[in-house]
Each structure stands twice: as C-alpha cells, then as structure tokens.
Amino acid sequence: MLGRLAKWLRIIGLDVSYSNSAQDDELVKICRSEKRILLTRDTELARRAEKKMRVIFIEGDRLREQFVSLRGNLMIKPDASRLFSRCVACNTPLLHVNREEVEERVPAFVFDNKDDFKTCPKCQKVYWKGSHVDHAMKMLDESLFGAKEPSAEEKSPASD
C-alpha cells in the first residue's frame, strides 16, 4: 500500500522497513522492537497501533499527497549527503565501488560515461547518477521539502 513511498524515503536516505506481506500484528511487533514509526493507510491498523507506538496515517493515493501528509507529521530535512545512500530495493546502505568492479554489471554506455558507482552489498544492485537524479530532486523539492513552482503571476513581470 505504501511501497512507492518507502522507496522514495529510502532515496532521501531514511532507514525504511517495508513489507507488503506482513500481517498487522507482525508489523506492530517489528515497529516496536526496532523503535520505528508505523506509516499506514489502514485506518483500523492506525487506530489499534497508536496505543502502542507512534503512528502516522498517510493520506492520499498519489506520492505527492503522501509526502504532504508526511511533511505535516515529521521533520524531514534535506541532507544532500544522505541522498541516494540506501538501496531502494532492500534498504541496505550503499557502498562506493571502483568502476572496474561493475563493468560487467552495467550497460556499456553507462560504464563509458560514468565514473561514480555505488553497489548494494546485500542484493548486489548497482547505482550511478543518471538523468533520473535531477527528476527525483525536482520532485522531492516540490513535494517533500516544500518548494513549489512559481505561479503564472509570480513568473510574469509586474505591470505598472
């Protein structure tokens, strides 16, 4: 239900545990034992769990709406040093690797044009800065960190 949000929270460097198969009681147990905040869209789960731990009910179906919901409940500050520091698939902190170590694991074009690579020591995914990073940063600035595009009135010069 919140898999996409979990992925984006990992992109900004947050330690996010996610399961789409765990039962409610199991989620509560994991969150309590790992001292995590439970994010949910399930009103019944939120109601039951809030007696035992911190729960944030996430509103909205779209990622931007979910970010707005989070922004109102958590103080998430942009930290460039943490961006793209976790594996989006398994949450493991990424490690910098020499490009030669990933030559056989990335497309030739990428290897020829990129110098900086990270890898996940757990699931072995390889990451590099591609054009998606700029898109991700724009979306994060607009949605999570509170920046917004200027309105048409703000873009046009004032008339006298």
Protein backbone atom coordinates (compact mmCIF):
# COMPACT_ATOMS: atom_id res chain seq x y z
CA MET A 1 0.00 0.00 0.00
CA LEU A 2 2.94 2.36 0.66
CA GLY A 3 5.71 0.64 -1.31
CA ARG A 4 6.36 3.59 -3.59
CA LEU A 5 6.56 5.95 -0.62
CA ALA A 6 9.01 3.58 1.11
CA LYS A 7 11.21 3.61 -1.99
CA TRP A 8 11.27 7.40 -2.07
CA LEU A 9 12.03 7.65 1.63
CA ARG A 10 15.00 5.37 1.01
CA ILE A 11 16.08 7.65 -1.85
CA ILE A 12 16.38 10.51 0.62
CA GLY A 13 18.45 8.28 2.87
CA LEU A 14 15.96 7.22 5.52
CA ASP A 15 16.13 3.75 7.05
CA VAL A 16 12.75 2.38 5.99
CA SER A 17 11.50 -1.12 6.64
CA TYR A 18 8.71 -2.19 4.29
CA SER A 19 6.64 -5.33 3.90
CA ASN A 20 3.62 -5.89 1.73
CA SER A 21 3.10 -9.39 3.12
CA ALA A 22 3.30 -8.96 6.90
CA GLN A 23 0.12 -9.18 8.95
CA ASP A 24 -0.93 -6.21 11.10
CA ASP A 25 0.22 -7.74 14.39
CA GLU A 26 3.57 -8.60 12.87
CA LEU A 27 4.02 -5.01 11.58
CA VAL A 28 3.29 -3.64 15.05
CA LYS A 29 5.74 -6.09 16.63
CA ILE A 30 8.51 -5.18 14.16
CA CYS A 31 7.96 -1.45 14.59
CA ARG A 32 8.00 -1.70 18.37
CA SER A 33 11.09 -3.90 18.54
CA GLU A 34 13.02 -1.73 16.05
CA LYS A 35 11.67 1.54 17.51
CA ARG A 36 10.17 2.58 14.19
CA ILE A 37 7.27 4.86 13.34
CA LEU A 38 4.45 2.98 11.64
CA LEU A 39 3.25 4.60 8.42
CA THR A 40 -0.06 3.25 7.21
CA ARG A 41 -3.13 3.99 5.14
CA ASP A 42 -5.15 1.40 7.05
CA THR A 43 -7.42 3.29 9.47
CA GLU A 44 -8.12 0.24 11.63
CA LEU A 45 -4.42 -0.62 11.97
CA ALA A 46 -3.63 3.02 12.79
CA ARG A 47 -6.32 3.12 15.47
CA ARG A 48 -5.13 -0.10 17.14
CA ALA A 49 -1.39 0.59 16.86
CA GLU A 50 -1.41 4.20 18.06
CA LYS A 51 -1.98 2.95 21.60
CA LYS A 52 1.39 1.17 21.46
CA MET A 53 3.62 3.37 19.31
CA ARG A 54 3.87 6.42 17.11
CA VAL A 55 1.70 6.03 14.03
CA ILE A 56 1.33 8.35 11.07
CA PHE A 57 -1.76 7.88 8.98
CA ILE A 58 -0.82 8.63 5.38
CA GLU A 59 -3.47 10.32 3.33
CA GLY A 60 -3.71 10.38 -0.43
CA ASP A 61 -3.22 7.88 -3.19
CA ARG A 62 -0.57 9.86 -5.04
CA LEU A 63 3.02 10.10 -3.92
CA ARG A 64 2.97 13.91 -3.73
CA GLU A 65 -0.10 13.80 -1.48
CA GLN A 66 1.60 11.22 0.72
CA PHE A 67 4.67 13.45 1.01
CA VAL A 68 2.45 16.35 2.09
CA SER A 69 0.92 14.07 4.73
CA LEU A 70 4.40 13.15 5.96
CA ARG A 71 5.68 16.71 5.87
CA GLY A 72 2.95 17.70 8.29
CA ASN A 73 3.92 14.95 10.74
CA LEU A 74 7.70 14.55 10.50
CA MET A 75 10.54 17.00 10.39
CA ILE A 76 12.35 15.65 7.33
CA LYS A 77 15.12 17.97 6.30
CA PRO A 78 17.02 17.71 3.05
CA ASP A 79 20.51 16.36 3.58
CA ALA A 80 22.49 16.04 0.36
CA SER A 81 24.99 13.67 1.98
CA ARG A 82 22.22 11.13 2.61
CA LEU A 83 20.50 11.30 -0.79
CA PHE A 84 20.82 8.08 -2.76
CA SER A 85 22.72 6.41 0.08
CA ARG A 86 20.43 3.36 0.53
CA CYS A 87 19.36 0.57 -1.76
CA VAL A 88 15.81 1.32 -2.85
CA ALA A 89 15.11 -2.41 -3.13
CA CYS A 90 16.32 -3.72 0.23
CA ASN A 91 17.20 -0.64 2.36
CA THR A 92 20.88 -1.59 2.83
CA PRO A 93 23.39 1.30 2.93
CA LEU A 94 25.21 1.57 -0.40
CA LEU A 95 28.97 1.36 -0.79
CA HIS A 96 31.14 3.25 -3.28
CA VAL A 97 32.96 0.90 -5.63
CA ASN A 98 35.64 1.26 -8.27
CA ARG A 99 34.08 1.43 -11.71
CA GLU A 100 36.12 -1.59 -12.86
CA GLU A 101 34.27 -3.70 -10.28
CA VAL A 102 30.93 -3.10 -12.03
CA GLU A 103 32.00 -3.09 -15.68
CA GLU A 104 30.26 -6.39 -16.43
CA ARG A 105 27.16 -5.40 -14.46
CA VAL A 106 26.19 -2.12 -16.13
CA PRO A 107 25.39 -1.18 -19.74
CA ALA A 108 28.49 -0.34 -21.81
CA PHE A 109 27.24 3.21 -22.44
CA VAL A 110 26.88 3.80 -18.72
CA PHE A 111 30.31 2.38 -17.98
CA ASP A 112 31.88 4.56 -20.69
CA ASN A 113 30.21 7.75 -19.46
CA LYS A 114 30.06 7.48 -15.68
CA ASP A 115 32.82 7.44 -13.10
CA ASP A 116 30.96 7.16 -9.80
CA PHE A 117 29.22 3.90 -8.88
CA LYS A 118 27.66 2.51 -5.74
CA THR A 119 26.56 -1.02 -5.04
CA CYS A 120 24.37 -2.76 -2.53
CA PRO A 121 26.37 -5.34 -0.58
CA LYS A 122 23.20 -7.32 0.13
CA CYS A 123 21.32 -7.59 -3.17
CA GLN A 124 24.18 -6.54 -5.47
CA LYS A 125 22.24 -3.82 -7.33
CA VAL A 126 24.47 -1.19 -8.95
CA TYR A 127 23.64 2.52 -8.83
CA TRP A 128 25.01 5.54 -10.69
CA LYS A 129 23.94 9.14 -11.21
CA GLY A 130 21.76 9.23 -14.29
CA SER A 131 19.21 11.70 -15.61
CA HIS A 132 16.67 10.31 -13.15
CA VAL A 133 18.51 12.04 -10.29
CA ASP A 134 17.56 15.53 -11.49
CA HIS A 135 13.93 14.45 -11.89
CA ALA A 136 13.96 12.92 -8.42
CA MET A 137 15.46 16.04 -6.87
CA LYS A 138 12.84 18.28 -8.51
CA MET A 139 10.01 16.06 -7.29
CA LEU A 140 11.45 15.94 -3.77
CA ASP A 141 11.90 19.72 -3.67
CA GLU A 142 8.33 20.29 -4.81
CA SER A 143 6.65 17.64 -2.70
CA LEU A 144 8.58 16.78 0.42
CA PHE A 145 10.82 19.71 1.14
CA GLY A 146 8.11 22.29 0.47
CA ALA A 147 9.46 24.18 -2.51
CA LYS A 148 6.95 24.85 -5.21
CA GLU A 149 6.89 26.09 -8.74
CA PRO A 150 6.14 29.80 -9.03
CA SER A 151 2.62 30.56 -10.15
CA ALA A 152 1.96 32.22 -13.54
CA GLU A 153 1.57 35.55 -11.73
CA GLU A 154 4.92 35.13 -9.98
CA LYS A 155 6.64 34.25 -13.28
CA SER A 156 5.35 37.26 -15.22
CA PRO A 157 6.79 40.72 -14.59
CA ALA A 158 4.60 43.08 -12.63
CA SER A 159 2.83 45.68 -14.69
CA ASP A 160 2.80 49.31 -13.61
